[in-house]
Amino acid sequence: MYGLNLAENIIRLRHERKITQEELAAFVGVTKASVSKWENNQSIPDLMILLQLAAFFDVTVDELLGYEPQLSKDQIRHYYAGLSEDFVRLPFHEVLEKIRSLAHRYYSCYPFLLELSVLYLNHYMLAGTQEEQTKLIKEAAAWCDHILKHCTDVGVCKDALIIKAWFLLLLGRAEEVVEILESSADPTLLAKQEGALMVQAYQMTGRCGKARSYIQIRQYLDLLNLVGDAMLSLSLYEDDLARCEETICRAKGVMDQYQLERLHPNVAAQFYYQCAAVYAVNGKNDKAAEALESFGQCIDRLLNIEPLVLHGDEYFDLLDEWIERLPLGDMVPRNKEFVGQNVREALQNPVFEGMKEEKVFQRFLHRFERREDHA
């Protein structure tokens, strides 16, 4: 029954009040034997007696039962980290059972349900078949719908809407994504200026520390978004090599200036991987190999970092406090072992078919095979 602690709580509360089983039994109108059975987990009080006990001990019924419908940030992070590790070391179906049990237990803890949806988004591809993957995606999308219908936290609902949009794309329901996001995603909306207004408002009210922290967060997120948009541009214009190379040149310049490979090696790795794919599609195997080498260096950095966490740097020196306030704190969505497993799968992309017999590609492949075997 989700590990309720009714027996332990009755004992603890009774001892705190310094009363005997007989005295408690007399108050609620039962026998001493009944109280003894409650405290030995042999039976539980009926509803009306539970209400009397809660009133007597001046606690809520949830507190008396030991039931926690809401989780703290630390508890959410603990669960996410544990489940993420479980995907590496346990059979997939066992992890799903644990996740579904937790989702059922904390169905009204919307921040936690949102993070379980993120967990599915980052690991659904581990399901054995396309049919199983689709089932998981639909299951998590339903969690997002539940959040959107019942949650009153605007921030959680915004995130749930974005995660739902990802799931809809994975299901091939792109038109629905356009319908739910098009109006809010309009870049001409005045709402897009809210960040700049916040910075100025903080400054005018003498809260310079808040203004500086806020602008660093905006710069950091804008940097990640710029590189992310560059990756999207590469996929959209992969048949226009000249434009792609200009995109790569400009994005790489920004990445170098902000030392993104050190600041966020995961995003840098994704960028270099997309560069390699574009070059491979256009038959530029030498340049594809160079991009893969940069990709590999970022992966090496990811796998060698201890611990693997999100962080600021000398320039973004106010970022760590904000990162700590994120739902998962400085925890990365996928753990180190899962990142390592994904590298070999990424290299099986059909776009690299024309490179697979080349020595440089084989060396690159074997490099991560050895790392995985060593792990």
Protein backbone atom coordinates (compact mmCIF):
# COMPACT_ATOMS: atom_id res chain seq x y z
CA MET A 1 0.00 0.00 0.00
CA TYR A 2 2.77 2.35 -1.12
CA GLY A 3 4.70 1.84 2.10
CA LEU A 4 2.28 3.66 4.43
CA ASN A 5 3.60 4.03 7.97
CA LEU A 6 0.37 4.03 9.98
CA ALA A 7 1.55 1.54 12.63
CA GLU A 8 4.86 3.33 13.19
CA ASN A 9 3.14 6.71 13.29
CA ILE A 10 0.56 5.65 15.89
CA ILE A 11 3.35 4.28 18.10
CA ARG A 12 5.47 7.42 17.65
CA LEU A 13 2.60 9.84 18.26
CA ARG A 14 1.35 7.88 21.27
CA HIS A 15 4.82 7.92 22.81
CA GLU A 16 5.14 11.66 22.14
CA ARG A 17 1.88 12.18 24.03
CA LYS A 18 3.11 9.80 26.74
CA ILE A 19 -0.10 7.80 26.79
CA THR A 20 -0.71 4.06 26.98
CA GLN A 21 -2.54 1.85 24.54
CA GLU A 22 -5.41 1.67 27.05
CA GLU A 23 -5.70 5.48 27.20
CA LEU A 24 -5.71 5.78 23.39
CA ALA A 25 -8.27 2.98 23.12
CA ALA A 26 -10.53 4.73 25.64
CA PHE A 27 -10.41 8.00 23.71
CA VAL A 28 -11.50 6.49 20.38
CA GLY A 29 -13.86 3.90 21.91
CA VAL A 30 -12.11 0.65 21.05
CA THR A 31 -10.34 -2.07 22.99
CA LYS A 32 -6.66 -2.14 23.91
CA ALA A 33 -6.37 -5.21 21.66
CA SER A 34 -7.51 -3.13 18.67
CA VAL A 35 -4.80 -0.53 19.28
CA SER A 36 -2.26 -3.34 19.66
CA LYS A 37 -3.31 -4.78 16.29
CA TRP A 38 -2.95 -1.36 14.63
CA GLU A 39 0.54 -0.97 16.02
CA ASN A 40 1.54 -4.47 14.90
CA ASN A 41 0.19 -4.03 11.35
CA GLN A 42 -2.43 -6.73 11.94
CA SER A 43 -5.36 -4.42 11.11
CA ILE A 44 -6.13 -0.80 10.31
CA PRO A 45 -8.75 1.53 11.83
CA ASP A 46 -11.88 2.28 9.84
CA LEU A 47 -12.38 5.74 8.32
CA MET A 48 -14.24 7.35 11.23
CA ILE A 49 -11.65 6.17 13.73
CA LEU A 50 -8.85 7.44 11.48
CA LEU A 51 -10.47 10.87 11.63
CA GLN A 52 -10.67 10.64 15.44
CA LEU A 53 -7.04 9.58 15.70
CA ALA A 54 -5.90 12.43 13.42
CA ALA A 55 -7.87 14.93 15.51
CA PHE A 56 -6.51 13.52 18.77
CA PHE A 57 -2.88 13.69 17.61
CA ASP A 58 -3.45 17.06 15.86
CA VAL A 59 -2.21 15.83 12.47
CA THR A 60 -3.82 15.39 9.07
CA VAL A 61 -5.05 11.98 7.98
CA ASP A 62 -2.29 11.94 5.33
CA GLU A 63 0.32 12.61 8.01
CA LEU A 64 -1.15 9.90 10.22
CA LEU A 65 -1.02 7.39 7.37
CA GLY A 66 2.44 8.48 6.26
CA TYR A 67 1.09 9.25 2.79
CA GLU A 68 2.87 12.00 0.84
CA PRO A 69 0.88 13.03 -2.24
CA GLN A 70 3.48 15.69 -3.10
CA LEU A 71 7.22 15.27 -3.44
CA SER A 72 9.92 17.81 -2.69
CA LYS A 73 12.45 18.88 -5.34
CA ASP A 74 15.09 16.71 -3.70
CA GLN A 75 12.80 13.69 -3.74
CA ILE A 76 11.94 14.26 -7.41
CA ARG A 77 15.64 14.48 -8.28
CA HIS A 78 16.38 11.34 -6.26
CA TYR A 79 13.70 9.36 -8.07
CA TYR A 80 14.76 10.65 -11.50
CA ALA A 81 18.43 9.81 -10.92
CA GLY A 82 17.58 6.34 -9.66
CA LEU A 83 15.23 5.55 -12.55
CA SER A 84 17.72 6.88 -15.09
CA GLU A 85 20.34 4.49 -13.69
CA ASP A 86 17.79 1.67 -13.67
CA PHE A 87 17.42 1.97 -17.45
CA VAL A 88 21.07 0.97 -17.75
CA ARG A 89 21.23 -1.86 -15.22
CA LEU A 90 17.73 -3.40 -15.12
CA PRO A 91 15.46 -5.05 -17.71
CA PHE A 92 13.39 -2.42 -19.47
CA HIS A 93 10.01 -3.82 -18.36
CA GLU A 94 11.06 -3.72 -14.70
CA VAL A 95 11.89 -0.04 -14.93
CA LEU A 96 8.55 0.67 -16.59
CA GLU A 97 6.74 -1.08 -13.75
CA LYS A 98 8.54 1.12 -11.22
CA ILE A 99 7.74 4.29 -13.19
CA ARG A 100 4.06 3.40 -13.60
CA SER A 101 3.75 2.57 -9.92
CA LEU A 102 5.24 5.95 -8.99
CA ALA A 103 3.05 7.77 -11.52
CA HIS A 104 -0.02 6.11 -10.03
CA ARG A 105 1.06 6.95 -6.50
CA TYR A 106 1.91 10.58 -7.18
CA TYR A 107 -0.63 11.30 -9.89
CA SER A 108 -1.45 14.67 -8.31
CA CYS A 109 2.21 15.69 -7.90
CA TYR A 110 2.36 17.47 -11.23
CA PRO A 111 6.06 18.50 -11.19
CA PHE A 112 7.00 14.85 -10.62
CA LEU A 113 4.59 13.60 -13.29
CA LEU A 114 6.19 16.11 -15.67
CA GLU A 115 9.68 14.74 -14.92
CA LEU A 116 8.44 11.19 -15.49
CA SER A 117 7.26 12.39 -18.91
CA VAL A 118 10.73 13.82 -19.54
CA LEU A 119 12.20 10.48 -18.46
CA TYR A 120 10.06 8.71 -21.07
CA LEU A 121 11.07 11.27 -23.70
CA ASN A 122 14.74 10.55 -23.04
CA HIS A 123 14.45 6.75 -22.87
CA TYR A 124 11.42 5.57 -24.89
CA MET A 125 13.75 4.43 -27.70
CA LEU A 126 14.96 1.60 -25.46
CA ALA A 127 11.64 -0.18 -25.99
CA GLY A 128 12.08 -3.27 -28.13
CA THR A 129 9.60 -2.54 -30.91
CA GLN A 130 8.06 0.45 -32.64
CA GLU A 131 4.69 -0.59 -31.24
CA GLU A 132 6.04 -0.53 -27.68
CA GLN A 133 7.67 2.85 -28.26
CA THR A 134 4.41 4.30 -29.53
CA LYS A 135 2.57 2.95 -26.50
CA LEU A 136 5.03 4.65 -24.13
CA ILE A 137 4.83 7.95 -26.01
CA LYS A 138 1.03 7.91 -25.82
CA GLU A 139 1.16 7.05 -22.14
CA ALA A 140 3.42 9.99 -21.34
CA ALA A 141 1.39 12.33 -23.57
CA ALA A 142 -1.65 11.39 -21.47
CA TRP A 143 0.27 12.40 -18.35
CA CYS A 144 0.92 15.78 -19.95
CA ASP A 145 -2.80 16.14 -20.72
CA HIS A 146 -3.59 15.35 -17.08
CA ILE A 147 -1.17 18.05 -15.95
CA LEU A 148 -2.60 20.61 -18.36
CA LYS A 149 -6.14 19.84 -17.23
CA HIS A 150 -5.61 19.95 -13.46
CA CYS A 151 -2.38 21.81 -12.59
CA THR A 152 -2.58 25.49 -11.63
CA ASP A 153 1.18 26.16 -11.83
CA VAL A 154 1.69 28.16 -15.03
CA GLY A 155 5.35 27.19 -15.35
CA VAL A 156 4.66 23.47 -15.02
CA CYS A 157 1.82 23.73 -17.55
CA LYS A 158 4.04 25.54 -20.06
CA ASP A 159 6.64 22.80 -19.78
CA ALA A 160 3.97 20.10 -20.04
CA LEU A 161 2.69 21.69 -23.25
CA ILE A 162 6.19 21.64 -24.79
CA ILE A 163 6.78 18.01 -23.77
CA LYS A 164 3.37 17.07 -25.17
CA ALA A 165 4.33 18.76 -28.45
CA TRP A 166 7.48 16.61 -28.61
CA PHE A 167 5.39 13.49 -28.13
CA LEU A 168 2.94 14.57 -30.82
CA LEU A 169 5.84 15.05 -33.26
CA LEU A 170 7.11 11.57 -32.44
CA LEU A 171 3.63 10.25 -33.18
CA GLY A 172 3.62 12.01 -36.55
CA ARG A 173 0.88 14.43 -35.49
CA ALA A 174 2.68 17.57 -36.60
CA GLU A 175 -0.49 19.49 -37.48
CA GLU A 176 -1.59 19.29 -33.85
CA VAL A 177 1.76 20.73 -32.78
CA VAL A 178 1.20 23.69 -35.09
CA GLU A 179 -2.27 24.20 -33.62
CA ILE A 180 -1.18 24.24 -29.99
CA LEU A 181 2.07 26.20 -30.38
CA GLU A 182 1.68 28.51 -33.37
CA SER A 183 0.11 31.45 -31.54
CA SER A 184 2.49 31.39 -28.55
CA ALA A 185 5.54 30.77 -30.75
CA ASP A 186 5.00 33.90 -32.86
CA PRO A 187 8.38 35.73 -32.68
CA THR A 188 6.70 39.14 -33.18
CA LEU A 189 4.70 38.93 -29.95
CA LEU A 190 5.47 41.64 -27.41
CA ALA A 191 5.68 38.87 -24.80
CA LYS A 192 9.08 38.00 -26.26
CA GLN A 193 10.35 41.28 -24.74
CA GLU A 194 9.44 40.30 -21.19
CA GLY A 195 13.01 39.26 -20.36
CA ALA A 196 14.51 42.62 -21.28
CA LEU A 197 11.76 44.39 -19.32
CA MET A 198 12.48 42.24 -16.26
CA VAL A 199 16.18 43.11 -16.36
CA GLN A 200 15.42 46.83 -16.57
CA ALA A 201 12.82 46.59 -13.80
CA TYR A 202 15.26 44.81 -11.49
CA GLN A 203 17.89 47.46 -12.23
CA MET A 204 15.52 50.38 -11.64
CA THR A 205 14.41 48.96 -8.29
CA GLY A 206 18.00 48.60 -7.10
CA ARG A 207 18.15 44.80 -7.40
CA CYS A 208 21.30 44.69 -9.50
CA GLY A 209 22.19 41.18 -8.33
CA LYS A 210 18.87 39.88 -9.64
CA ALA A 211 19.34 41.78 -12.91
CA ARG A 212 22.82 40.33 -13.43
CA SER A 213 21.68 36.82 -12.62
CA TYR A 214 18.69 37.15 -14.95
CA ILE A 215 20.74 38.45 -17.88
CA GLN A 216 23.26 35.62 -17.48
CA ILE A 217 20.46 33.07 -17.59
CA ARG A 218 19.04 34.70 -20.72
CA GLN A 219 22.44 34.78 -22.43
CA TYR A 220 23.05 31.13 -21.57
CA LEU A 221 19.65 29.98 -22.85
CA ASP A 222 19.94 32.18 -25.95
CA LEU A 223 23.33 30.57 -26.64
CA LEU A 224 21.89 27.06 -26.40
CA ASN A 225 18.89 28.09 -28.52
CA LEU A 226 21.13 29.66 -31.18
CA VAL A 227 23.18 26.47 -31.52
CA GLY A 228 19.99 24.41 -31.47
CA ASP A 229 18.53 26.56 -34.26
CA ALA A 230 21.76 26.13 -36.23
CA MET A 231 21.28 22.36 -36.02
CA LEU A 232 17.72 22.71 -37.27
CA SER A 233 18.95 24.92 -40.10
CA LEU A 234 21.49 22.25 -41.12
CA SER A 235 18.77 19.63 -41.34
CA LEU A 236 16.46 21.96 -43.29
CA TYR A 237 19.12 23.03 -45.81
CA GLU A 238 21.15 19.81 -46.09
CA ASP A 239 20.82 19.99 -49.90
CA ASP A 240 22.43 23.45 -49.91
CA LEU A 241 26.00 22.74 -48.83
CA ALA A 242 27.21 26.33 -49.25
CA ARG A 243 24.56 27.63 -46.85
CA CYS A 244 25.23 24.80 -44.41
CA GLU A 245 28.93 25.58 -44.35
CA GLU A 246 28.18 29.23 -43.66
CA THR A 247 25.85 28.16 -40.82
CA ILE A 248 28.56 25.90 -39.42
CA CYS A 249 31.14 28.68 -39.63
CA ARG A 250 28.97 31.22 -37.85
CA ALA A 251 27.70 28.84 -35.16
CA LYS A 252 31.19 27.49 -34.55
CA GLY A 253 32.45 31.05 -34.07
CA VAL A 254 29.87 31.69 -31.36
CA MET A 255 30.57 28.31 -29.73
CA ASP A 256 34.30 29.08 -29.63
CA GLN A 257 33.75 32.53 -28.14
CA TYR A 258 31.56 31.13 -25.37
CA GLN A 259 33.66 27.96 -24.91
CA LEU A 260 30.56 25.82 -25.36
CA GLU A 261 32.50 22.55 -25.64
CA ARG A 262 33.55 23.01 -22.03
CA LEU A 263 30.41 24.74 -20.81
CA HIS A 264 27.90 22.29 -22.32
CA PRO A 265 29.67 19.42 -24.15
CA ASN A 266 26.38 17.63 -24.79
CA VAL A 267 24.96 20.44 -26.94
CA ALA A 268 28.34 20.85 -28.67
CA ALA A 269 28.42 17.11 -29.40
CA GLN A 270 24.94 17.26 -30.95
CA PHE A 271 26.03 20.16 -33.16
CA TYR A 272 29.14 18.37 -34.46
CA TYR A 273 27.14 15.22 -35.07
CA GLN A 274 24.66 17.19 -37.21
CA CYS A 275 27.60 18.77 -39.08
CA ALA A 276 29.02 15.31 -39.79
CA ALA A 277 25.64 14.11 -41.07
CA VAL A 278 25.31 17.08 -43.45
CA TYR A 279 28.82 16.57 -44.84
CA ALA A 280 28.23 12.84 -45.25
CA VAL A 281 24.96 13.41 -47.12
CA ASN A 282 26.84 15.70 -49.52
CA GLY A 283 29.69 13.24 -50.05
CA LYS A 284 32.26 15.34 -48.15
CA ASN A 285 33.65 12.41 -46.19
CA ASP A 286 36.86 14.17 -45.11
CA LYS A 287 34.92 17.02 -43.52
CA ALA A 288 32.44 14.55 -42.07
CA ALA A 289 35.35 12.72 -40.42
CA GLU A 290 36.65 16.01 -38.97
CA ALA A 291 33.22 16.80 -37.53
CA LEU A 292 32.99 13.29 -36.07
CA GLU A 293 36.36 13.78 -34.40
CA SER A 294 35.04 16.97 -32.76
CA PHE A 295 31.91 15.02 -31.80
CA GLY A 296 34.10 12.32 -30.27
CA GLN A 297 36.11 14.83 -28.26
CA CYS A 298 32.90 16.22 -26.77
CA ILE A 299 31.71 12.70 -25.93
CA ASP A 300 35.07 11.96 -24.29
CA ARG A 301 34.65 15.10 -22.22
CA LEU A 302 31.14 14.02 -21.22
CA LEU A 303 32.25 10.54 -20.22
CA ASN A 304 35.32 11.77 -18.32
CA ILE A 305 33.63 14.54 -16.33
CA GLU A 306 33.25 13.66 -12.65
CA PRO A 307 30.55 14.30 -11.76
CA LEU A 308 28.55 14.79 -14.95
CA VAL A 309 26.46 17.86 -14.10
CA LEU A 310 25.22 21.11 -15.58
CA HIS A 311 27.37 24.07 -14.57
CA GLY A 312 28.41 27.64 -15.27
CA ASP A 313 31.95 28.89 -15.84
CA GLU A 314 34.14 31.95 -15.26
CA TYR A 315 31.91 34.09 -17.47
CA PHE A 316 28.57 32.60 -16.42
CA ASP A 317 29.55 32.89 -12.77
CA LEU A 318 25.99 33.40 -11.49
CA LEU A 319 24.51 30.43 -13.32
CA ASP A 320 24.96 27.69 -10.73
CA GLU A 321 22.40 29.14 -8.32
CA TRP A 322 19.78 29.15 -11.11
CA ILE A 323 20.70 25.63 -12.17
CA GLU A 324 20.15 24.44 -8.61
CA ARG A 325 16.58 25.79 -8.79
CA LEU A 326 15.76 23.75 -11.91
CA PRO A 327 13.43 20.77 -11.34
CA LEU A 328 16.33 18.33 -11.72
CA GLY A 329 18.98 20.71 -10.36
CA ASP A 330 22.37 20.18 -11.98
CA MET A 331 21.47 16.63 -12.99
CA VAL A 332 21.70 15.81 -16.71
CA PRO A 333 18.60 14.11 -18.21
CA ARG A 334 20.57 11.01 -19.27
CA ASN A 335 23.32 9.43 -17.22
CA LYS A 336 26.86 8.73 -18.39
CA GLU A 337 26.33 5.04 -19.18
CA PHE A 338 23.33 5.82 -21.37
CA VAL A 339 25.30 8.50 -23.26
CA GLY A 340 28.03 5.95 -23.98
CA GLN A 341 25.55 3.38 -25.23
CA ASN A 342 23.97 5.91 -27.59
CA VAL A 343 27.19 6.79 -29.41
CA ARG A 344 27.50 3.51 -31.30
CA GLU A 345 23.80 3.63 -32.21
CA ALA A 346 24.26 7.17 -33.55
CA LEU A 347 27.08 5.99 -35.79
CA GLN A 348 24.78 3.42 -37.39
CA ASN A 349 22.86 6.28 -39.03
CA PRO A 350 22.41 5.43 -42.76
CA VAL A 351 23.89 8.81 -43.74
CA PHE A 352 27.32 7.39 -42.82
CA GLU A 353 26.93 4.33 -45.04
CA GLY A 354 29.42 5.69 -47.57
CA MET A 355 32.06 6.12 -44.88
CA LYS A 356 31.81 2.80 -43.07
CA GLU A 357 34.65 1.13 -44.95
CA GLU A 358 37.05 4.03 -44.51
CA LYS A 359 39.83 3.51 -41.98
CA VAL A 360 39.23 6.78 -40.19
CA PHE A 361 35.58 5.88 -39.58
CA GLN A 362 36.49 2.35 -38.47
CA ARG A 363 39.03 3.72 -35.99
CA PHE A 364 36.43 6.10 -34.65
CA LEU A 365 33.91 3.28 -34.29
CA HIS A 366 36.38 0.97 -32.54
CA ARG A 367 37.41 3.76 -30.19
CA PHE A 368 33.95 3.83 -28.65
CA GLU A 369 33.53 0.07 -28.85
CA ARG A 370 36.60 -0.29 -26.63
CA ARG A 371 35.32 2.36 -24.23
CA GLU A 372 31.96 0.57 -23.98
CA ASP A 373 33.63 -2.83 -23.43
CA HIS A 374 35.87 -1.30 -20.75
CA ALA A 375 32.83 0.21 -19.05
